[in-house]
Protein backbone atom coordinates (compact mmCIF):
# COMPACT_ATOMS: atom_id res chain seq x y z
CA MET A 1 75.82 122.79 110.97
CA ALA A 2 75.38 120.67 114.10
CA PHE A 3 71.92 119.64 112.90
CA LEU A 4 73.27 118.64 109.48
CA PHE A 5 76.12 116.72 111.08
CA ASN A 6 73.67 114.72 113.20
CA LYS A 7 71.76 113.81 110.03
CA PHE A 8 74.98 112.63 108.40
CA GLN A 9 75.96 110.57 111.44
CA GLU A 10 72.57 108.87 111.45
CA ALA A 11 72.97 108.15 107.73
CA VAL A 12 76.40 106.59 108.38
CA ARG A 13 74.93 104.21 110.97
CA THR A 14 71.97 103.28 108.78
CA LEU A 15 73.71 102.83 105.45
CA ALA A 16 76.48 100.70 106.95
CA LYS A 17 73.84 98.03 107.58
CA ASN A 18 72.26 98.28 104.12
CA PRO A 19 72.05 94.78 102.53
CA MET A 20 72.76 96.26 99.08
CA PHE A 21 76.45 96.31 100.02
CA ALA A 22 76.63 92.70 101.21
CA ARG A 23 78.82 90.29 99.26
CA ASP A 24 81.69 88.50 100.93
CA PRO A 25 82.55 89.87 104.40
CA ARG A 26 85.79 91.55 103.33
CA HIS A 27 84.11 93.32 100.44
CA LEU A 28 81.21 94.25 102.70
CA GLN A 29 83.58 96.06 105.06
CA PHE A 30 85.34 97.78 102.16
CA GLU A 31 82.04 99.07 100.79
CA ALA A 32 80.88 100.18 104.23
CA ASP A 33 84.13 102.15 104.62
CA VAL A 34 83.70 103.76 101.19
CA ASN A 35 80.15 104.69 102.11
CA ARG A 36 81.27 106.38 105.33
CA LEU A 37 84.07 108.22 103.56
CA PHE A 38 81.65 109.40 100.88
CA LEU A 39 79.38 110.91 103.53
CA TYR A 40 82.15 112.44 105.64
CA THR A 41 84.19 114.00 102.83
CA SER A 42 81.08 115.22 101.00
CA TYR A 43 79.83 116.81 104.22
CA TYR A 44 83.15 118.64 104.58
CA ARG A 45 83.00 119.87 100.99
CA LEU A 46 79.53 121.34 101.54
CA GLY A 47 81.19 123.93 103.75
CA GLU A 48 79.81 126.10 106.51
CA ASN A 49 77.07 127.58 104.34
CA ALA A 50 75.48 124.23 103.50
CA GLU A 51 71.72 123.98 103.31
CA GLU A 52 69.63 121.10 104.55
CA LYS A 53 68.48 120.14 101.03
CA ASP A 54 72.14 119.75 99.97
CA ALA A 55 72.83 117.40 102.86
CA GLU A 56 69.69 115.38 102.12
CA GLU A 57 70.72 115.04 98.48
CA ILE A 58 74.12 113.61 99.47
CA ILE A 59 72.53 111.20 101.95
CA ASP A 60 70.12 110.08 99.24
CA LEU A 61 73.02 109.55 96.82
CA ALA A 62 74.86 107.48 99.44
CA SER A 63 71.95 105.04 99.52
CA LYS A 64 71.61 104.78 95.73
CA ALA A 65 74.95 105.41 94.05
CA SER A 66 77.18 102.46 93.21
CA VAL A 67 80.28 101.86 95.29
CA ALA A 68 82.42 102.69 92.24
CA ASP A 69 80.73 106.08 91.86
CA GLN A 70 81.14 106.78 95.57
CA GLN A 71 84.83 105.87 95.35
CA LYS A 72 85.27 108.37 92.51
CA GLN A 73 83.61 111.09 94.55
CA VAL A 74 85.75 110.31 97.61
CA GLN A 75 88.87 110.60 95.43
CA ASP A 76 87.61 113.93 94.10
CA ASN A 77 86.78 115.22 97.58
CA VAL A 78 90.20 114.27 99.00
CA HIS A 79 92.03 115.65 95.98
CA TYR A 80 90.08 118.89 96.28
CA GLN A 81 91.33 119.35 99.83
CA LEU A 82 94.92 118.35 99.12
CA THR A 83 95.08 120.66 96.12
CA HIS A 84 94.28 123.64 98.35
CA MET A 85 96.77 122.45 100.98
CA CYS A 86 99.57 122.09 98.43
CA GLN A 87 98.80 125.51 96.97
CA ALA A 88 98.99 126.99 100.46
CA MET A 89 102.37 125.37 101.13
CA ASP A 90 103.62 126.64 97.78
CA SER A 91 102.52 130.15 98.71
CA ILE A 92 104.49 129.85 101.96
CA LEU A 93 107.64 128.21 100.64
CA ARG A 94 107.80 129.70 97.13
CA PRO A 95 105.69 132.86 97.16
CA ASP A 96 107.42 134.49 94.18
CA VAL A 97 106.87 131.45 91.94
CA THR A 98 103.27 131.11 93.10
CA ASN A 99 102.49 134.71 92.23
CA ASP A 100 104.49 134.75 89.00
CA PRO A 101 105.28 131.28 87.55
CA SER A 102 107.34 132.91 84.76
CA LYS A 103 110.09 133.61 87.32
CA ASP A 104 110.85 129.90 87.41
CA PRO A 105 110.20 128.38 83.96
CA LYS A 106 111.11 124.88 85.11
CA GLU A 107 108.33 124.97 87.67
CA ALA A 108 105.74 126.87 85.59
CA HIS A 109 102.44 125.03 85.26
CA SER A 110 102.06 123.79 81.71
CA HIS A 111 98.46 122.66 82.16
CA SER A 112 95.40 123.84 84.01
CA ARG A 113 94.43 122.38 87.38
CA ARG A 114 91.93 119.57 87.39
CA SER A 115 90.58 117.39 90.15
CA GLY A 116 88.93 114.06 90.79
CA LEU A 117 89.30 111.26 88.25
CA THR A 118 89.12 113.58 85.18
CA PHE A 119 92.83 114.20 84.76
CA ALA A 120 94.44 114.55 81.38
CA VAL A 121 96.82 111.86 80.19
CA GLY A 122 100.39 112.50 81.26
CA GLY A 123 103.72 110.77 80.93
CA ALA A 124 105.18 108.72 83.76
CA ALA A 125 107.45 110.51 86.19
CA SER A 126 111.10 109.69 85.82
CA ALA A 127 112.10 106.71 87.93
CA ASN A 128 115.60 108.02 88.49
CA LYS A 129 115.85 111.57 89.82
CA GLN A 130 119.49 111.53 90.81
CA SER A 131 120.23 114.49 88.54
CA ALA A 132 116.99 116.36 89.24
CA ALA A 133 117.39 120.00 90.20
CA ILE A 134 115.96 120.81 93.61
CA PRO A 135 114.22 124.21 93.43
CA ALA A 136 115.06 126.78 96.07
CA THR A 137 112.56 127.39 98.87
CA ARG A 138 112.35 129.81 101.76
CA PRO A 139 114.64 128.70 104.63
CA LEU A 140 111.84 127.84 107.04
CA THR A 141 112.13 125.11 109.65
CA ARG A 142 109.59 122.33 109.81
CA ALA A 143 108.02 123.96 112.90
CA GLU A 144 107.78 127.33 111.15
CA LEU A 145 106.08 125.82 108.12
CA SER A 146 103.69 123.96 110.42
CA ASN A 147 102.69 127.19 112.19
CA LYS A 148 102.12 129.02 108.91
CA PHE A 149 100.04 126.09 107.65
CA LYS A 150 97.89 126.42 110.78
CA ASP A 151 97.35 130.09 109.97
CA HIS A 152 95.87 129.03 106.62
CA PHE A 153 93.72 126.07 107.68
CA GLY A 154 93.11 126.47 111.40
CA TYR A 155 94.97 123.33 112.42
CA THR A 156 98.27 121.54 112.20
CA LEU A 157 99.79 118.36 113.67
CA ASP A 158 102.00 117.91 116.73
CA ILE A 159 103.88 114.81 117.89
CA ARG A 160 104.24 114.46 121.64
CA ALA A 161 103.78 112.00 124.50
CA SER A 162 100.59 110.00 123.98
CA GLY A 163 97.88 109.63 126.56
CA ILE A 164 95.84 112.82 126.97
CA SER A 165 92.31 112.90 125.60
CA THR A 166 90.75 116.35 125.80
CA THR A 167 87.52 114.86 124.51
CA LEU A 168 87.09 112.92 127.75
CA LYS A 169 88.38 115.92 129.75
CA THR A 170 90.66 113.63 131.71
CA VAL A 171 94.02 111.93 131.51
CA VAL A 172 93.76 108.52 129.84
CA PRO A 173 97.11 106.68 129.83
CA ILE A 174 97.64 104.52 126.75
CA PRO A 175 98.15 101.08 128.33
CA HIS A 176 101.07 99.70 126.36
CA LYS A 177 104.80 100.24 126.38
CA ASP A 178 105.00 100.85 122.62
CA ALA A 179 102.62 103.81 122.58
CA GLY A 180 105.34 106.39 123.25
CA GLN A 181 104.54 109.37 121.08
CA GLY A 182 101.15 110.18 119.67
CA LEU A 183 99.68 112.39 116.97
CA PHE A 184 97.80 115.47 118.14
CA LEU A 185 95.70 117.99 116.28
CA SER A 186 96.55 121.55 117.28
CA GLY A 187 93.60 123.75 116.40
CA GLU A 188 90.19 122.77 115.10
CA ALA A 189 89.02 120.67 112.14
CA ASN A 190 85.57 119.71 110.94
CA VAL A 191 84.31 116.21 110.13
CA GLY A 192 85.56 114.91 106.78
CA ALA A 193 88.79 116.94 106.83
CA VAL A 194 92.01 115.39 105.54
CA LEU A 195 94.24 115.63 108.61
CA ALA A 196 97.31 113.58 107.71
CA ILE A 197 99.02 111.60 104.99
CA TYR A 198 100.58 108.20 105.67
CA PRO A 199 104.17 108.68 104.39
CA GLY A 200 106.86 106.26 103.29
CA VAL A 201 107.74 103.63 100.71
CA ILE A 202 104.92 101.99 98.77
CA TYR A 203 105.26 98.28 98.00
CA SER A 204 102.95 96.60 95.51
CA PRO A 205 102.49 92.83 95.96
CA ALA A 206 105.09 92.34 93.20
CA TYR A 207 107.77 93.71 95.55
CA TYR A 208 106.78 92.24 98.91
CA ARG A 209 110.04 90.30 99.05
CA TYR A 210 112.02 93.56 99.13
CA ILE A 211 110.37 94.79 102.32
CA PRO A 212 113.05 94.77 105.07
CA GLY A 213 112.77 91.67 107.25
CA TYR A 214 110.65 89.76 104.73
CA PRO A 215 108.72 87.50 105.25
CA ARG A 216 108.32 88.53 108.91
CA ILE A 217 108.06 92.17 107.93
CA ASP A 218 106.20 93.23 111.07
CA ALA A 219 108.66 91.65 113.53
CA CYS A 220 110.72 94.85 113.97
CA ASN A 221 108.54 97.46 112.29
CA ASN A 222 105.40 99.04 113.79
CA TYR A 223 104.94 101.49 110.92
CA LEU A 224 103.50 99.22 108.23
CA ILE A 225 99.96 99.59 106.91
CA THR A 226 98.02 97.67 104.24
CA ARG A 227 95.38 98.92 101.83
CA TYR A 228 92.47 96.75 100.75
CA ASP A 229 94.15 96.21 97.36
CA GLY A 230 97.21 94.60 99.01
CA THR A 231 99.49 97.64 98.73
CA ILE A 232 101.77 98.02 101.78
CA ILE A 233 103.19 101.36 102.93
CA ASP A 234 106.29 101.39 105.16
CA ALA A 235 106.54 104.68 107.05
CA LYS A 236 109.60 103.74 109.12
CA PRO A 237 112.13 105.30 106.70
CA TRP A 238 110.24 108.62 106.71
CA CYS A 239 110.41 108.87 110.50
CA LEU A 240 109.89 112.56 111.47
CA GLY A 241 110.57 113.91 108.01
CA GLY A 242 113.28 116.53 107.70
CA GLU A 243 114.14 120.21 107.58
CA THR A 244 114.47 120.74 103.85
CA ARG A 245 113.26 119.81 100.36
CA GLU A 246 115.47 117.01 99.09
CA LEU A 247 115.88 113.95 96.92
CA TRP A 248 114.56 111.03 98.98
CA ASP A 249 114.97 107.34 98.13
CA GLY A 250 113.43 105.80 101.23
CA SER A 251 116.63 104.22 102.54
CA ASP A 252 117.01 106.31 105.70
CA LEU A 253 117.13 104.44 109.01
CA VAL A 254 116.13 101.11 107.48
CA ASP A 255 118.16 97.93 107.93
CA TYR A 256 117.88 96.35 104.49
CA ASN A 257 119.64 93.23 105.74
CA ALA A 258 117.11 92.57 108.49
CA VAL A 259 116.19 88.91 108.94
CA PRO A 260 113.50 87.26 111.06
CA PRO A 261 114.52 86.20 114.57
CA LYS A 262 115.85 82.67 114.80
CA GLY A 263 113.10 80.12 115.23
CA SER A 264 110.31 82.60 114.51
CA GLU A 265 109.37 81.29 111.05
CA ASN A 266 106.31 79.10 110.64
CA ASN A 267 105.48 76.81 107.70
CA SER A 268 103.85 79.63 105.74
CA ASP A 269 106.93 81.84 106.17
CA ARG A 270 109.21 79.07 104.90
CA VAL A 271 107.03 78.63 101.79
CA TRP A 272 107.23 82.36 101.11
CA ARG A 273 111.01 82.31 101.51
CA MET A 274 111.39 79.38 99.09
CA LEU A 275 109.25 81.12 96.48
CA SER A 276 111.01 84.46 96.83
CA LYS A 277 114.42 85.83 95.94
CA PRO A 278 116.59 87.41 98.62
CA LEU A 279 116.63 91.18 98.87
CA GLU A 280 118.55 92.82 96.06
CA LYS A 281 120.24 96.00 97.22
CA SER A 282 120.60 97.25 93.66
CA MET A 283 116.87 97.95 93.57
CA ARG A 284 117.37 100.83 95.99
CA GLY A 285 119.18 102.98 93.46
CA ASN A 286 116.42 102.80 90.85
CA PHE A 287 113.92 105.17 92.39
CA GLY A 288 113.69 108.40 94.29
CA GLU A 289 111.79 111.68 94.26
CA VAL A 290 112.35 115.29 95.26
CA LEU A 291 110.00 115.64 98.25
CA GLU A 292 109.22 118.33 100.78
CA ARG A 293 110.43 116.69 103.97
CA ARG A 294 109.00 119.52 106.10
CA ASN A 295 105.44 118.61 105.08
CA PRO A 296 103.28 119.23 108.20
CA LEU A 297 100.74 116.61 107.08
CA ALA A 298 103.18 113.69 106.74
CA PHE A 299 102.64 112.14 110.17
CA GLY A 300 99.80 109.65 109.78
CA HIS A 301 102.04 106.86 111.10
CA PHE A 302 102.07 108.41 114.60
CA ALA A 303 98.33 107.99 115.21
CA ASN A 304 97.72 105.50 118.03
CA HIS A 305 94.96 102.95 118.47
CA PRO A 306 92.27 104.25 120.88
CA PRO A 307 92.55 103.02 124.47
CA LYS A 308 89.70 101.05 125.98
CA GLY A 309 86.71 103.25 126.67
CA SER A 310 87.39 105.73 123.85
CA THR A 311 86.63 105.71 120.14
CA PRO A 312 88.62 106.59 117.01
CA ASN A 313 88.24 110.11 115.62
CA VAL A 314 89.95 109.48 112.27
CA MET A 315 89.70 106.71 109.68
CA ILE A 316 91.89 105.47 106.85
CA CYS A 317 91.04 106.64 103.34
CA PRO A 318 92.77 105.16 100.26
CA TYR A 319 93.86 107.97 97.95
CA ASP A 320 95.30 107.41 94.49
CA PHE A 321 97.39 110.47 93.75
CA PRO A 322 97.56 111.12 89.98
CA LEU A 323 101.15 111.63 88.88
CA THR A 324 99.95 114.02 86.18
CA GLU A 325 99.59 116.61 88.97
CA LYS A 326 103.29 117.45 88.86
CA GLU A 327 103.00 120.70 90.82
CA MET A 328 101.63 118.76 93.82
CA ARG A 329 104.05 115.82 93.65
CA VAL A 330 106.65 117.33 96.00
CA TYR A 331 104.08 117.42 98.84
CA ILE A 332 103.02 113.76 98.57
CA PRO A 333 105.43 112.03 101.01
CA ASN A 334 105.60 108.67 99.25
CA ILE A 335 107.71 106.86 96.69
CA THR A 336 106.94 103.59 94.93
CA PHE A 337 109.51 100.84 95.35
CA GLY A 338 110.68 99.61 91.95
CA GLY A 339 109.42 102.68 90.07
CA GLU A 340 106.00 103.86 89.06
CA GLU A 341 105.19 101.54 86.15
CA PRO A 342 102.24 99.31 87.20
CA ILE A 343 102.67 95.53 87.22
CA LYS A 344 99.90 93.05 86.53
CA MET A 345 99.45 90.60 89.39
CA LYS A 346 97.32 87.52 90.01
CA ARG A 347 96.31 86.28 93.43
CA PHE A 348 96.10 82.65 94.48
CA GLY A 349 94.97 82.34 98.08
CA SER A 350 97.36 84.52 100.09
CA PHE A 351 99.99 84.49 97.33
CA TYR A 352 100.54 87.12 94.61
CA PHE A 353 102.29 86.29 91.34
CA LYS A 354 103.43 88.47 88.45
CA SER A 355 101.28 87.90 85.38
CA GLY A 356 102.96 89.24 82.26
CA SER A 357 103.49 92.90 81.47
CA SER A 358 101.52 95.77 82.89
CA ASP A 359 99.68 96.39 79.61
CA ASN A 360 99.24 100.02 80.60
CA GLN A 361 96.95 101.37 77.90
CA ALA A 362 97.09 104.89 76.56
CA GLY A 363 94.73 106.96 78.65
CA ASP A 364 95.55 105.24 81.93
CA SER A 365 97.00 107.77 84.37
CA LEU A 366 99.72 106.50 86.66
CA VAL A 367 99.01 106.96 90.35
CA LEU A 368 100.65 106.67 93.76
CA LYS A 369 98.57 104.36 95.94
CA THR A 370 98.64 106.31 99.16
CA LEU A 371 96.56 106.66 102.33
CA VAL A 372 95.24 109.70 104.21
CA LEU A 373 93.53 110.08 107.58
CA VAL A 374 90.06 111.65 107.51
CA SER A 375 88.28 113.01 110.60
CA THR A 376 85.05 111.27 111.59
CA ARG A 377 83.83 114.13 113.78
CA SER A 378 84.76 117.66 114.73
CA ILE A 379 88.13 117.68 116.50
CA HIS A 380 89.61 120.38 118.70
CA ASP A 381 93.08 120.26 120.31
CA GLU A 382 93.14 116.51 120.98
CA GLU A 383 94.98 113.31 120.19
CA LEU A 384 94.09 111.49 116.98
CA PHE A 385 93.07 107.86 117.37
CA LEU A 386 92.88 105.38 114.50
CA ASN A 387 91.28 101.94 114.68
CA TYR A 388 94.16 99.56 113.85
CA ARG A 389 91.77 96.69 113.08
CA TYR A 390 94.19 93.94 113.97
CA SER A 391 93.30 90.51 112.64
CA ASN A 392 91.66 88.20 115.16
CA SER A 393 93.39 85.22 113.52
CA LYS A 394 96.72 86.23 115.05
CA ARG A 395 97.79 86.92 118.60
CA ARG A 396 97.08 90.53 119.43
CA PRO A 397 99.17 92.70 121.77
CA GLU A 398 97.91 92.86 125.35
CA TRP A 399 97.15 96.58 125.01
CA TYR A 400 94.91 96.12 121.95
CA SER A 401 91.23 96.68 122.70
CA PRO A 402 88.96 96.02 119.66
CA VAL A 403 86.78 98.94 118.65
CA ASP A 404 84.41 96.73 116.67
CA GLU A 405 85.14 93.01 116.63
CA GLU A 406 82.80 92.42 113.68
CA GLU A 407 84.60 95.02 111.58
CA ASP A 408 87.94 93.37 112.40
CA LYS A 409 86.62 89.96 111.31
CA ARG A 410 85.19 91.30 108.04
CA ARG A 411 88.35 93.27 107.22
CA TRP A 412 90.55 90.17 107.43
CA SER A 413 88.11 87.46 106.34
């Protein structure tokens, strides 16, 4: 497997420079990321018994397949892994139902499992779950579930003081006061493994103005992340999760009346504020989901940026979770602000505007626009580092050391 991994790594370096992907810089970086994710997650799916010809076929596909086709395969590869993880957690928390679905008719699977982008059409999940019944689970603590998950997959996640890199075999202090806790892998995981999910409240551009502290949303929140499509995920309300399965509406620990510090607004912020309505608290009561707050994967927001002299060992992967997969929904630690009905948006410069109705056609499956962390190499009992890719157009924190300045420029061009 080491030989095959070296071939994949060489392919990653070569294909990232392929001119076939070049359009505008931002799109170039997006396609390069998709290409890497295609190689990594496909390598993982080959498994330990992979043959060289299988690896060569995937590398060949990575150089020829369209970006759209590679995106579809990445979605399929990630969903394949998460399906097995959710089944394992079900077997731990609800073993009787897993072995005999007829014992709980409300939770019985009414359709066969499918993966990738070939899901059957399904109705939208209810936006208001205030009266939803929360099924009983085994009374395990979050730590107990985490340990049992490790027994199944060979790894789990720990949150503890950041700064120790077992890869470098030395103590490497993270040089900034905000580092605090870090995300560590306990056990061993191969390249291309889904290691964590980025939890929290999902905001489409239509609902930016409802993000606490808007328009200076990052002033008091270090747990925000943006996908290439403009979707923002706020992990601050999720925090460390919980000790039970419960109805969650994303309001925990968030100051919904937060305002930017006095004198901190620039001209752009003032324009945004004039064009936007103030936060409406009533929106908070219109959504919520029954989620497994003990989920041992829901800690992607604790991954730190690598300190100078080290490199990231995980990367961000956009994952569109299909809401038709109802048996998995409880293990996806995200909710969509404003409900799950898509809204058509138009972009003008850095501004997004609503553009009529969603026009969701029959056959379009509703999804949660989430993010997962995928390993970029084999990892064994070490801290997980993620390249934050801060924009070079804004003042960066003193502790931030760019991993690849060119990637940063392309990402935010």
